[in-house]
Amino acid sequence: MRLHNIEDQKLVTPKLALDFLVEGNKRFVENLKAHSNLLEQVNSTKEGQFPFAIILSCIDSRTSAELIFDQGLGDIFSARIAGNVLNEDIIGSMEFACKLAGSKLIMVLGHSHCGAITGACKGAKLGHLTNLLAKVEPSIEYVKENNKNLDIESKEAVDLVAYHNVDHTIDHILSKSTVLSEMYQAGEIGIVGAFYKVETGEVNIVKEMFVEKK
């Protein structure tokens, strides 16, 4: 959804921002792309950007947020890291997007068949990746505790861990960032969790957090 100026951006509510993404994913699944003229988008955004949302997603090559939500240049901020985990730099990027650049929605997007989550479930150790995957451990423990007979390395367990990791990450955004927590409580931004199915291209919204603007 192209926002051409700051006044357009101010009119967008957190819930409307989510609607833009849901509608975009529907177009993506139905192969009805609305944002195909990239050169036109380059020209229309050369003087500035007014993104309506920031999406935290995995680096998985199948989960490009701009593509699966059918958004063009200048529409969204895209933060990507293996396993869509949270760190200080990601939080800082979210604070920039919302407080300084005017975005109205934070989305944490997990996905099925996640390689990083699979590695975490299998206890993978590799250089700096070891510390990154450790951030998934709370979700692994949660799935183990609530699914006693499930092999934690199975595909079913991996998807359950990835699903819970979305919820866990959302909770940490609010607890780690006073800036974002205050904006959320004031109704200036919304926070949602979503799960992308690499098998179908569909995004399911799994958690919605909105507060009426004061």
N, C-alpha and C. Protein backbone atom coordinates (compact mmCIF):
# COMPACT_ATOMS: atom_id res chain seq x y z
N MET A 1 0.86 -1.19 0.00
CA MET A 1 0.00 0.00 0.00
C MET A 1 0.89 1.23 0.00
N ARG A 2 0.95 1.94 -1.10
CA ARG A 2 1.83 3.09 -1.21
C ARG A 2 1.30 4.28 -0.43
N LEU A 3 2.11 4.78 0.53
CA LEU A 3 1.81 6.00 1.25
C LEU A 3 2.72 7.08 0.69
N HIS A 4 2.15 8.11 0.08
CA HIS A 4 2.94 9.06 -0.68
C HIS A 4 3.52 10.20 0.14
N ASN A 5 2.99 10.41 1.33
CA ASN A 5 3.51 11.50 2.16
C ASN A 5 3.19 11.22 3.63
N ILE A 6 3.71 12.09 4.48
CA ILE A 6 3.54 11.88 5.91
C ILE A 6 2.09 12.00 6.34
N GLU A 7 1.31 12.77 5.62
CA GLU A 7 -0.11 12.89 5.95
C GLU A 7 -0.84 11.58 5.68
N ASP A 8 -0.51 10.92 4.58
CA ASP A 8 -1.07 9.58 4.32
C ASP A 8 -0.75 8.64 5.48
N GLN A 9 0.51 8.67 5.90
CA GLN A 9 0.97 7.77 6.95
C GLN A 9 0.24 8.02 8.27
N LYS A 10 -0.01 9.29 8.58
CA LYS A 10 -0.69 9.64 9.83
C LYS A 10 -2.12 9.12 9.87
N LEU A 11 -2.73 8.95 8.72
CA LEU A 11 -4.11 8.48 8.66
C LEU A 11 -4.24 6.97 8.86
N VAL A 12 -3.12 6.26 8.74
CA VAL A 12 -3.15 4.80 8.87
C VAL A 12 -3.21 4.42 10.35
N THR A 13 -4.16 3.57 10.70
CA THR A 13 -4.25 3.04 12.05
C THR A 13 -3.51 1.70 12.10
N PRO A 14 -3.14 1.24 13.30
CA PRO A 14 -2.51 -0.08 13.40
C PRO A 14 -3.33 -1.20 12.77
N LYS A 15 -4.65 -1.16 12.98
CA LYS A 15 -5.50 -2.21 12.41
C LYS A 15 -5.57 -2.11 10.89
N LEU A 16 -5.58 -0.89 10.37
CA LEU A 16 -5.59 -0.72 8.92
C LEU A 16 -4.28 -1.22 8.32
N ALA A 17 -3.18 -0.99 9.01
CA ALA A 17 -1.89 -1.50 8.55
C ALA A 17 -1.91 -3.02 8.44
N LEU A 18 -2.53 -3.67 9.42
CA LEU A 18 -2.66 -5.13 9.34
C LEU A 18 -3.53 -5.53 8.16
N ASP A 19 -4.60 -4.80 7.93
CA ASP A 19 -5.47 -5.10 6.78
C ASP A 19 -4.68 -5.04 5.47
N PHE A 20 -3.79 -4.04 5.34
CA PHE A 20 -2.98 -3.92 4.13
C PHE A 20 -2.17 -5.21 3.91
N LEU A 21 -1.61 -5.74 4.99
CA LEU A 21 -0.78 -6.94 4.88
C LEU A 21 -1.62 -8.18 4.56
N VAL A 22 -2.75 -8.30 5.23
CA VAL A 22 -3.63 -9.45 4.98
C VAL A 22 -4.12 -9.45 3.54
N GLU A 23 -4.52 -8.28 3.06
CA GLU A 23 -4.97 -8.17 1.66
C GLU A 23 -3.84 -8.47 0.69
N GLY A 24 -2.63 -8.02 1.03
CA GLY A 24 -1.48 -8.29 0.17
C GLY A 24 -1.16 -9.77 0.07
N ASN A 25 -1.25 -10.47 1.20
CA ASN A 25 -0.98 -11.91 1.16
C ASN A 25 -2.04 -12.64 0.36
N LYS A 26 -3.27 -12.17 0.44
CA LYS A 26 -4.34 -12.78 -0.37
C LYS A 26 -4.03 -12.62 -1.86
N ARG A 27 -3.54 -11.44 -2.25
CA ARG A 27 -3.16 -11.24 -3.65
C ARG A 27 -2.01 -12.17 -4.02
N PHE A 28 -1.04 -12.31 -3.12
CA PHE A 28 0.11 -13.16 -3.39
C PHE A 28 -0.32 -14.61 -3.63
N VAL A 29 -1.18 -15.12 -2.78
CA VAL A 29 -1.64 -16.50 -2.90
C VAL A 29 -2.44 -16.70 -4.18
N GLU A 30 -3.19 -15.68 -4.56
CA GLU A 30 -4.03 -15.77 -5.76
C GLU A 30 -3.29 -15.31 -7.02
N ASN A 31 -2.00 -14.98 -6.87
CA ASN A 31 -1.16 -14.55 -7.99
C ASN A 31 -1.72 -13.31 -8.69
N LEU A 32 -2.17 -12.36 -7.88
CA LEU A 32 -2.72 -11.12 -8.39
C LEU A 32 -1.85 -9.95 -7.94
N LYS A 33 -0.63 -9.93 -8.38
CA LYS A 33 0.35 -8.96 -7.92
C LYS A 33 -0.05 -7.54 -8.29
N ALA A 34 0.02 -6.63 -7.29
CA ALA A 34 -0.35 -5.23 -7.52
C ALA A 34 0.86 -4.32 -7.60
N HIS A 35 2.02 -4.81 -7.18
CA HIS A 35 3.21 -3.96 -7.11
C HIS A 35 4.30 -4.51 -8.02
N SER A 36 4.17 -4.31 -9.32
CA SER A 36 5.12 -4.90 -10.26
C SER A 36 6.03 -3.89 -10.94
N ASN A 37 5.63 -2.63 -10.99
CA ASN A 37 6.43 -1.62 -11.68
C ASN A 37 7.46 -1.05 -10.70
N LEU A 38 8.61 -1.71 -10.61
CA LEU A 38 9.62 -1.32 -9.63
C LEU A 38 10.27 0.02 -9.97
N LEU A 39 10.48 0.29 -11.25
CA LEU A 39 11.11 1.56 -11.63
C LEU A 39 10.21 2.74 -11.25
N GLU A 40 8.92 2.57 -11.42
CA GLU A 40 7.99 3.62 -11.00
C GLU A 40 8.08 3.84 -9.49
N GLN A 41 8.23 2.75 -8.76
CA GLN A 41 8.35 2.85 -7.30
C GLN A 41 9.64 3.53 -6.90
N VAL A 42 10.71 3.26 -7.62
CA VAL A 42 11.99 3.95 -7.37
C VAL A 42 11.79 5.46 -7.51
N ASN A 43 11.14 5.87 -8.57
CA ASN A 43 10.92 7.29 -8.83
C ASN A 43 10.01 7.93 -7.78
N SER A 44 8.97 7.20 -7.37
CA SER A 44 8.00 7.78 -6.44
C SER A 44 8.51 7.83 -5.00
N THR A 45 9.57 7.08 -4.70
CA THR A 45 10.09 7.07 -3.33
C THR A 45 11.44 7.76 -3.19
N LYS A 46 11.92 8.37 -4.24
CA LYS A 46 13.27 8.94 -4.20
C LYS A 46 13.39 10.12 -3.24
N GLU A 47 12.27 10.78 -2.92
CA GLU A 47 12.31 11.92 -2.02
C GLU A 47 12.05 11.54 -0.56
N GLY A 48 11.63 10.30 -0.32
CA GLY A 48 11.35 9.90 1.06
C GLY A 48 10.59 8.59 1.14
N GLN A 49 10.45 8.08 2.38
CA GLN A 49 9.74 6.82 2.59
C GLN A 49 8.77 7.00 3.76
N PHE A 50 7.63 6.30 3.66
CA PHE A 50 6.60 6.39 4.69
C PHE A 50 6.01 5.00 4.96
N PRO A 51 6.84 4.04 5.39
CA PRO A 51 6.37 2.66 5.59
C PRO A 51 5.31 2.58 6.69
N PHE A 52 4.33 1.72 6.50
CA PHE A 52 3.25 1.60 7.48
C PHE A 52 3.50 0.50 8.50
N ALA A 53 4.51 -0.35 8.29
CA ALA A 53 4.76 -1.45 9.21
C ALA A 53 6.22 -1.88 9.17
N ILE A 54 6.65 -2.55 10.24
CA ILE A 54 7.94 -3.22 10.25
C ILE A 54 7.67 -4.70 10.53
N ILE A 55 8.28 -5.55 9.73
CA ILE A 55 8.08 -6.99 9.85
C ILE A 55 9.41 -7.66 10.20
N LEU A 56 9.41 -8.38 11.31
CA LEU A 56 10.57 -9.18 11.70
C LEU A 56 10.34 -10.60 11.19
N SER A 57 11.19 -11.04 10.29
CA SER A 57 11.04 -12.38 9.73
C SER A 57 12.38 -13.10 9.69
N CYS A 58 12.35 -14.35 9.28
CA CYS A 58 13.54 -15.18 9.19
C CYS A 58 14.30 -14.86 7.90
N ILE A 59 15.58 -15.21 7.87
CA ILE A 59 16.36 -15.01 6.64
C ILE A 59 16.06 -16.07 5.59
N ASP A 60 15.25 -17.05 5.91
CA ASP A 60 14.88 -18.10 4.96
C ASP A 60 14.57 -17.50 3.59
N SER A 61 15.13 -18.08 2.55
CA SER A 61 15.01 -17.51 1.20
C SER A 61 13.59 -17.51 0.67
N ARG A 62 12.69 -18.22 1.35
CA ARG A 62 11.30 -18.30 0.90
C ARG A 62 10.39 -17.30 1.61
N THR A 63 10.94 -16.49 2.53
CA THR A 63 10.08 -15.68 3.38
C THR A 63 10.31 -14.18 3.23
N SER A 64 10.55 -13.73 2.02
CA SER A 64 10.70 -12.30 1.79
C SER A 64 9.36 -11.60 2.05
N ALA A 65 9.33 -10.72 3.04
CA ALA A 65 8.08 -10.08 3.45
C ALA A 65 7.46 -9.25 2.32
N GLU A 66 8.31 -8.54 1.56
CA GLU A 66 7.78 -7.73 0.47
C GLU A 66 7.03 -8.58 -0.55
N LEU A 67 7.50 -9.78 -0.79
CA LEU A 67 6.87 -10.65 -1.78
C LEU A 67 5.60 -11.29 -1.24
N ILE A 68 5.68 -11.90 -0.07
CA ILE A 68 4.52 -12.67 0.41
C ILE A 68 3.38 -11.78 0.87
N PHE A 69 3.66 -10.48 1.09
CA PHE A 69 2.58 -9.54 1.41
C PHE A 69 2.30 -8.59 0.24
N ASP A 70 2.92 -8.86 -0.90
CA ASP A 70 2.74 -8.05 -2.11
C ASP A 70 2.86 -6.55 -1.81
N GLN A 71 4.00 -6.18 -1.27
CA GLN A 71 4.28 -4.78 -0.98
C GLN A 71 5.43 -4.31 -1.86
N GLY A 72 5.44 -3.01 -2.14
CA GLY A 72 6.45 -2.47 -3.02
C GLY A 72 7.54 -1.71 -2.27
N LEU A 73 8.40 -1.05 -3.02
CA LEU A 73 9.46 -0.24 -2.43
C LEU A 73 8.85 0.88 -1.60
N GLY A 74 9.33 1.02 -0.38
CA GLY A 74 8.85 2.10 0.48
C GLY A 74 7.63 1.79 1.31
N ASP A 75 7.07 0.58 1.19
CA ASP A 75 5.83 0.25 1.90
C ASP A 75 6.07 -0.27 3.32
N ILE A 76 7.10 -1.10 3.50
CA ILE A 76 7.36 -1.69 4.80
C ILE A 76 8.85 -1.71 5.11
N PHE A 77 9.16 -1.73 6.41
CA PHE A 77 10.50 -2.04 6.86
C PHE A 77 10.58 -3.56 7.03
N SER A 78 11.70 -4.14 6.61
CA SER A 78 11.87 -5.59 6.72
C SER A 78 13.14 -5.89 7.50
N ALA A 79 12.97 -6.46 8.70
CA ALA A 79 14.10 -6.86 9.53
C ALA A 79 14.19 -8.39 9.49
N ARG A 80 15.35 -8.91 9.10
CA ARG A 80 15.46 -10.36 8.92
C ARG A 80 16.66 -10.91 9.69
N ILE A 81 16.42 -12.01 10.37
CA ILE A 81 17.45 -12.69 11.13
C ILE A 81 17.04 -14.16 11.26
N ALA A 82 17.99 -15.07 11.27
CA ALA A 82 17.67 -16.49 11.35
C ALA A 82 16.79 -16.78 12.56
N GLY A 83 15.68 -17.47 12.32
CA GLY A 83 14.78 -17.83 13.40
C GLY A 83 13.91 -16.69 13.90
N ASN A 84 13.92 -15.56 13.19
CA ASN A 84 13.18 -14.36 13.60
C ASN A 84 13.25 -14.12 15.11
N VAL A 85 14.48 -14.23 15.64
CA VAL A 85 14.69 -13.99 17.07
C VAL A 85 14.93 -12.50 17.31
N LEU A 86 14.94 -12.14 18.58
CA LEU A 86 15.08 -10.75 18.97
C LEU A 86 16.45 -10.48 19.58
N ASN A 87 17.06 -9.34 19.21
CA ASN A 87 18.26 -8.88 19.89
C ASN A 87 18.19 -7.35 19.99
N GLU A 88 19.18 -6.74 20.59
CA GLU A 88 19.14 -5.29 20.81
C GLU A 88 19.09 -4.50 19.51
N ASP A 89 19.79 -4.99 18.49
CA ASP A 89 19.80 -4.27 17.22
C ASP A 89 18.44 -4.33 16.53
N ILE A 90 17.77 -5.48 16.63
CA ILE A 90 16.43 -5.60 16.06
C ILE A 90 15.46 -4.68 16.81
N ILE A 91 15.56 -4.66 18.13
CA ILE A 91 14.69 -3.78 18.93
C ILE A 91 14.93 -2.32 18.54
N GLY A 92 16.21 -1.96 18.41
CA GLY A 92 16.53 -0.59 17.99
C GLY A 92 15.96 -0.26 16.63
N SER A 93 15.99 -1.22 15.72
CA SER A 93 15.41 -1.01 14.39
C SER A 93 13.90 -0.81 14.47
N MET A 94 13.24 -1.56 15.35
CA MET A 94 11.80 -1.39 15.54
C MET A 94 11.49 -0.02 16.13
N GLU A 95 12.31 0.42 17.08
CA GLU A 95 12.12 1.75 17.67
C GLU A 95 12.28 2.84 16.61
N PHE A 96 13.28 2.68 15.76
CA PHE A 96 13.46 3.64 14.67
C PHE A 96 12.24 3.66 13.76
N ALA A 97 11.79 2.46 13.35
CA ALA A 97 10.67 2.36 12.41
C ALA A 97 9.42 3.02 12.96
N CYS A 98 9.13 2.78 14.23
CA CYS A 98 7.86 3.24 14.80
C CYS A 98 7.94 4.66 15.36
N LYS A 99 8.97 4.94 16.15
CA LYS A 99 9.04 6.25 16.82
C LYS A 99 9.52 7.36 15.90
N LEU A 100 10.48 7.05 15.05
CA LEU A 100 11.07 8.08 14.20
C LEU A 100 10.53 8.09 12.78
N ALA A 101 10.18 6.92 12.24
CA ALA A 101 9.75 6.87 10.84
C ALA A 101 8.24 6.68 10.67
N GLY A 102 7.51 6.55 11.78
CA GLY A 102 6.05 6.61 11.70
C GLY A 102 5.30 5.32 11.42
N SER A 103 5.96 4.17 11.44
CA SER A 103 5.25 2.92 11.19
C SER A 103 4.25 2.64 12.29
N LYS A 104 3.13 2.01 11.94
CA LYS A 104 2.02 1.81 12.88
C LYS A 104 1.87 0.37 13.36
N LEU A 105 2.66 -0.54 12.80
CA LEU A 105 2.47 -1.95 13.14
C LEU A 105 3.81 -2.68 13.19
N ILE A 106 3.95 -3.53 14.21
CA ILE A 106 5.07 -4.46 14.28
C ILE A 106 4.50 -5.86 14.06
N MET A 107 5.07 -6.58 13.13
CA MET A 107 4.69 -7.98 12.93
C MET A 107 5.90 -8.88 13.14
N VAL A 108 5.71 -9.93 13.93
CA VAL A 108 6.71 -10.99 14.06
C VAL A 108 6.21 -12.16 13.22
N LEU A 109 6.98 -12.54 12.22
CA LEU A 109 6.54 -13.55 11.26
C LEU A 109 7.41 -14.80 11.36
N GLY A 110 6.84 -15.88 11.88
CA GLY A 110 7.50 -17.17 11.87
C GLY A 110 7.09 -17.95 10.64
N HIS A 111 7.67 -19.12 10.44
CA HIS A 111 7.27 -19.91 9.27
C HIS A 111 7.50 -21.40 9.49
N SER A 112 6.82 -22.19 8.71
CA SER A 112 6.95 -23.65 8.80
C SER A 112 8.28 -24.10 8.22
N HIS A 113 8.72 -25.28 8.62
CA HIS A 113 9.95 -25.90 8.12
C HIS A 113 11.16 -24.96 8.26
N CYS A 114 11.26 -24.30 9.38
CA CYS A 114 12.34 -23.32 9.59
C CYS A 114 13.66 -24.03 9.89
N GLY A 115 14.67 -23.75 9.07
CA GLY A 115 15.97 -24.38 9.25
C GLY A 115 16.64 -23.99 10.55
N ALA A 116 16.52 -22.72 10.93
CA ALA A 116 17.14 -22.26 12.17
C ALA A 116 16.48 -22.91 13.38
N ILE A 117 15.17 -23.00 13.38
CA ILE A 117 14.46 -23.65 14.48
C ILE A 117 14.79 -25.13 14.52
N THR A 118 14.90 -25.75 13.34
CA THR A 118 15.29 -27.16 13.27
C THR A 118 16.66 -27.35 13.91
N GLY A 119 17.60 -26.46 13.58
CA GLY A 119 18.93 -26.54 14.16
C GLY A 119 18.91 -26.39 15.67
N ALA A 120 18.08 -25.46 16.17
CA ALA A 120 17.97 -25.26 17.61
C ALA A 120 17.41 -26.50 18.29
N CYS A 121 16.41 -27.12 17.67
CA CYS A 121 15.80 -28.33 18.25
C CYS A 121 16.78 -29.50 18.27
N LYS A 122 17.71 -29.49 17.34
CA LYS A 122 18.71 -30.56 17.27
C LYS A 122 19.98 -30.23 18.05
N GLY A 123 19.99 -29.07 18.70
CA GLY A 123 21.13 -28.70 19.51
C GLY A 123 22.36 -28.33 18.69
N ALA A 124 22.17 -27.74 17.52
CA ALA A 124 23.29 -27.39 16.64
C ALA A 124 24.22 -26.37 17.31
N LYS A 125 25.52 -26.56 17.11
CA LYS A 125 26.53 -25.64 17.63
C LYS A 125 27.45 -25.25 16.47
N LEU A 126 27.55 -23.94 16.22
CA LEU A 126 28.40 -23.48 15.12
C LEU A 126 28.72 -22.01 15.29
N GLY A 127 29.94 -21.71 15.73
CA GLY A 127 30.39 -20.33 15.83
C GLY A 127 29.37 -19.42 16.51
N HIS A 128 29.14 -18.26 15.91
CA HIS A 128 28.21 -17.28 16.48
C HIS A 128 26.75 -17.76 16.39
N LEU A 129 26.48 -18.72 15.51
CA LEU A 129 25.12 -19.25 15.40
C LEU A 129 24.66 -19.88 16.70
N THR A 130 25.61 -20.41 17.48
CA THR A 130 25.27 -21.06 18.75
C THR A 130 24.50 -20.12 19.66
N ASN A 131 24.98 -18.90 19.81
CA ASN A 131 24.32 -17.93 20.68
C ASN A 131 22.97 -17.49 20.12
N LEU A 132 22.89 -17.39 18.80
CA LEU A 132 21.62 -17.01 18.19
C LEU A 132 20.56 -18.08 18.46
N LEU A 133 20.90 -19.34 18.24
CA LEU A 133 19.94 -20.43 18.42
C LEU A 133 19.54 -20.60 19.88
N ALA A 134 20.40 -20.18 20.79
CA ALA A 134 20.08 -20.28 22.21
C ALA A 134 18.85 -19.47 22.57
N LYS A 135 18.55 -18.45 21.77
CA LYS A 135 17.38 -17.61 22.02
C LYS A 135 16.07 -18.36 21.78
N VAL A 136 16.16 -19.51 21.11
CA VAL A 136 14.97 -20.31 20.84
C VAL A 136 14.69 -21.28 21.99
N GLU A 137 15.64 -21.44 22.89
CA GLU A 137 15.54 -22.46 23.94
C GLU A 137 14.26 -22.35 24.78
N PRO A 138 13.80 -21.16 25.17
CA PRO A 138 12.55 -21.09 25.95
C PRO A 138 11.36 -21.73 25.22
N SER A 139 11.31 -21.56 23.91
CA SER A 139 10.21 -22.16 23.14
C SER A 139 10.37 -23.67 23.03
N ILE A 140 11.61 -24.13 22.92
CA ILE A 140 11.86 -25.57 22.90
C ILE A 140 11.41 -26.21 24.22
N GLU A 141 11.75 -25.57 25.32
CA GLU A 141 11.37 -26.09 26.63
C GLU A 141 9.85 -26.08 26.81
N TYR A 142 9.21 -25.05 26.29
CA TYR A 142 7.75 -24.98 26.38
C TYR A 142 7.10 -26.14 25.63
N VAL A 143 7.56 -26.40 24.41
CA VAL A 143 6.99 -27.49 23.61
C VAL A 143 7.27 -28.84 24.26
N LYS A 144 8.45 -29.02 24.79
CA LYS A 144 8.78 -30.27 25.48
C LYS A 144 7.85 -30.49 26.67
N GLU A 145 7.64 -29.43 27.44
CA GLU A 145 6.83 -29.54 28.66
C GLU A 145 5.37 -29.85 28.34
N ASN A 146 4.87 -29.35 27.22
CA ASN A 146 3.46 -29.51 26.89
C ASN A 146 3.18 -30.61 25.88
N ASN A 147 4.23 -31.30 25.44
CA ASN A 147 4.08 -32.41 24.48
C ASN A 147 5.06 -33.51 24.85
N LYS A 148 4.78 -34.18 25.96
CA LYS A 148 5.72 -35.12 26.56
C LYS A 148 6.13 -36.25 25.62
N ASN A 149 5.23 -36.67 24.74
CA ASN A 149 5.51 -37.83 23.90
C ASN A 149 5.97 -37.46 22.49
N LEU A 150 6.27 -36.19 22.29
CA LEU A 150 6.64 -35.73 20.95
C LEU A 150 8.15 -35.61 20.83
N ASP A 151 8.70 -36.19 19.75
CA ASP A 151 10.13 -36.07 19.46
C ASP A 151 10.42 -34.63 19.09
N ILE A 152 11.25 -33.94 19.87
CA ILE A 152 11.49 -32.52 19.67
C ILE A 152 12.18 -32.24 18.33
N GLU A 153 12.76 -33.26 17.72
CA GLU A 153 13.41 -33.06 16.42
C GLU A 153 12.50 -33.35 15.24
N SER A 154 11.26 -33.75 15.52
CA SER A 154 10.31 -34.05 14.44
C SER A 154 9.83 -32.77 13.78
N LYS A 155 9.32 -32.90 12.56
CA LYS A 155 8.81 -31.74 11.83
C LYS A 155 7.65 -31.08 12.58
N GLU A 156 6.81 -31.90 13.19
CA GLU A 156 5.68 -31.37 13.95
C GLU A 156 6.17 -30.52 15.12
N ALA A 157 7.17 -31.04 15.83
CA ALA A 157 7.71 -30.31 16.98
C ALA A 157 8.39 -29.02 16.54
N VAL A 158 9.13 -29.08 15.45
CA VAL A 158 9.83 -27.90 14.94
C VAL A 158 8.83 -26.78 14.64
N ASP A 159 7.72 -27.12 14.01
CA ASP A 159 6.71 -26.10 13.70
C ASP A 159 6.06 -25.57 14.97
N LEU A 160 5.86 -26.42 15.97
CA LEU A 160 5.30 -25.96 17.23
C LEU A 160 6.25 -25.00 17.93
N VAL A 161 7.54 -25.30 17.87
CA VAL A 161 8.54 -24.42 18.47
C VAL A 161 8.57 -23.08 17.73
N ALA A 162 8.53 -23.13 16.40
CA ALA A 162 8.53 -21.91 15.59
C ALA A 162 7.30 -21.07 15.90
N TYR A 163 6.18 -21.72 16.08
CA TYR A 163 4.92 -21.04 16.39
C TYR A 163 5.01 -20.35 17.74
N HIS A 164 5.50 -21.08 18.75
CA HIS A 164 5.62 -20.51 20.09
C HIS A 164 6.66 -19.41 20.13
N ASN A 165 7.70 -19.54 19.32
CA ASN A 165 8.76 -18.54 19.28
C ASN A 165 8.23 -17.17 18.86
N VAL A 166 7.21 -17.16 18.02
CA VAL A 166 6.57 -15.91 17.62
C VAL A 166 5.96 -15.22 18.84
N ASP A 167 5.22 -15.98 19.63
CA ASP A 167 4.57 -15.45 20.82
C ASP A 167 5.61 -14.98 21.84
N HIS A 168 6.64 -15.77 22.02
CA HIS A 168 7.72 -15.44 22.96
C HIS A 168 8.42 -14.15 22.54
N THR A 169 8.65 -13.99 21.26
CA THR A 169 9.34 -12.79 20.76
C THR A 169 8.49 -11.55 20.98
N ILE A 170 7.19 -11.65 20.73
CA ILE A 170 6.29 -10.51 20.94
C ILE A 170 6.34 -10.05 22.40
N ASP A 171 6.29 -11.01 23.32
CA ASP A 171 6.34 -10.65 24.74
C ASP A 171 7.63 -9.91 25.08
N HIS A 172 8.72 -10.32 24.47
CA HIS A 172 10.01 -9.70 24.76
C HIS A 172 10.14 -8.32 24.14
N ILE A 173 9.46 -8.06 23.05
CA ILE A 173 9.50 -6.72 22.48
C ILE A 173 9.00 -5.70 23.51
N LEU A 174 7.88 -6.01 24.13
CA LEU A 174 7.29 -5.08 25.08
C LEU A 174 8.07 -4.99 26.38
N SER A 175 8.68 -6.09 26.78
CA SER A 175 9.43 -6.07 28.04
C SER A 175 10.82 -5.45 27.88
N LYS A 176 11.37 -5.51 26.68
CA LYS A 176 12.73 -5.02 26.44
C LYS A 176 12.77 -3.56 25.99
N SER A 177 11.67 -3.05 25.45
CA SER A 177 11.68 -1.69 24.89
C SER A 177 10.63 -0.81 25.57
N THR A 178 11.10 0.14 26.35
CA THR A 178 10.19 1.11 26.96
C THR A 178 9.54 1.97 25.89
N VAL A 179 10.31 2.32 24.86
CA VAL A 179 9.79 3.15 23.77
C VAL A 179 8.59 2.49 23.10
N LEU A 180 8.74 1.22 22.73
CA LEU A 180 7.66 0.53 22.03
C LEU A 180 6.50 0.20 22.96
N SER A 181 6.81 -0.13 24.20
CA SER A 181 5.76 -0.43 25.17
C SER A 181 4.87 0.79 25.40
N GLU A 182 5.48 1.96 25.51
CA GLU A 182 4.69 3.19 25.72
C GLU A 182 3.85 3.50 24.49
N MET A 183 4.41 3.31 23.29
CA MET A 183 3.65 3.55 22.07
C MET A 183 2.48 2.59 21.96
N TYR A 184 2.70 1.34 22.33
CA TYR A 184 1.64 0.34 22.28
C TYR A 184 0.53 0.68 23.27
N GLN A 185 0.90 1.01 24.50
CA GLN A 185 -0.09 1.33 25.53
C GLN A 185 -0.91 2.57 25.15
N ALA A 186 -0.30 3.48 24.39
CA ALA A 186 -1.00 4.69 23.96
C ALA A 186 -1.84 4.46 22.71
N GLY A 187 -1.77 3.25 22.15
CA GLY A 187 -2.54 2.94 20.95
C GLY A 187 -1.93 3.47 19.67
N GLU A 188 -0.66 3.88 19.74
CA GLU A 188 0.00 4.44 18.56
C GLU A 188 0.49 3.36 17.61
N ILE A 189 0.76 2.17 18.13
CA ILE A 189 1.19 1.04 17.31
C ILE A 189 0.45 -0.22 17.74
N GLY A 190 0.35 -1.17 16.85
CA GLY A 190 -0.16 -2.49 17.17
C GLY A 190 0.96 -3.50 16.99
N ILE A 191 0.80 -4.66 17.62
CA ILE A 191 1.79 -5.73 17.50
C ILE A 191 1.05 -7.02 17.17
N VAL A 192 1.50 -7.71 16.14
CA VAL A 192 0.84 -8.96 15.75
C VAL A 192 1.88 -10.05 15.50
N GLY A 193 1.43 -11.28 15.71
CA GLY A 193 2.23 -12.44 15.37
C GLY A 193 1.60 -13.15 14.19
N ALA A 194 2.43 -13.69 13.32
CA ALA A 194 1.91 -14.36 12.13
C ALA A 194 2.78 -15.56 11.80
N PHE A 195 2.21 -16.48 11.05
CA PHE A 195 2.92 -17.72 10.71
C PHE A 195 2.71 -18.01 9.22
N TYR A 196 3.83 -18.09 8.51
CA TYR A 196 3.80 -18.31 7.06
C TYR A 196 3.98 -19.79 6.74
N LYS A 197 3.11 -20.31 5.90
CA LYS A 197 3.21 -21.70 5.46
C LYS A 197 3.98 -21.76 4.15
N VAL A 198 5.19 -22.30 4.19
CA VAL A 198 5.98 -22.35 2.96
C VAL A 198 5.36 -23.30 1.95
N GLU A 199 4.47 -24.17 2.40
CA GLU A 199 3.84 -25.13 1.50
C GLU A 199 2.77 -24.49 0.61
N THR A 200 2.13 -23.43 1.11
CA THR A 200 0.99 -22.85 0.39
C THR A 200 1.14 -21.37 0.08
N GLY A 201 2.03 -20.66 0.78
CA GLY A 201 2.16 -19.22 0.60
C GLY A 201 1.23 -18.42 1.49
N GLU A 202 0.42 -19.09 2.29
CA GLU A 202 -0.55 -18.41 3.14
C GLU A 202 0.08 -17.95 4.46
N VAL A 203 -0.36 -16.79 4.92
CA VAL A 203 0.03 -16.28 6.22
C VAL A 203 -1.19 -16.31 7.14
N ASN A 204 -1.04 -16.95 8.29
CA ASN A 204 -2.09 -16.95 9.31
C ASN A 204 -1.72 -15.97 10.42
N ILE A 205 -2.64 -15.11 10.78
CA ILE A 205 -2.42 -14.20 11.90
C ILE A 205 -2.73 -14.98 13.18
N VAL A 206 -1.75 -15.11 14.06
CA VAL A 206 -1.90 -15.97 15.23
C VAL A 206 -2.04 -15.19 16.53
N LYS A 207 -1.72 -13.90 16.50
CA LYS A 207 -1.87 -13.08 17.70
C LYS A 207 -2.04 -11.62 17.29
N GLU A 208 -3.02 -10.96 17.85
CA GLU A 208 -3.26 -9.54 17.57
C GLU A 208 -3.28 -8.77 18.88
N MET A 209 -2.51 -7.70 18.94
CA MET A 209 -2.46 -6.86 20.14
C MET A 209 -2.67 -5.41 19.73
N PHE A 210 -3.85 -4.89 20.05
CA PHE A 210 -4.19 -3.51 19.74
C PHE A 210 -4.79 -2.85 20.99
N VAL A 211 -4.48 -1.59 21.18
CA VAL A 211 -5.06 -0.79 22.25
C VAL A 211 -5.69 0.44 21.59
N GLU A 212 -6.88 0.79 22.03
CA GLU A 212 -7.54 1.98 21.49
C GLU A 212 -6.69 3.22 21.77
N LYS A 213 -6.48 4.04 20.76
CA LYS A 213 -5.63 5.21 20.90
C LYS A 213 -6.23 6.19 21.89
N LYS A 214 -5.36 6.68 22.80
CA LYS A 214 -5.81 7.60 23.85
C LYS A 214 -5.88 9.03 23.32
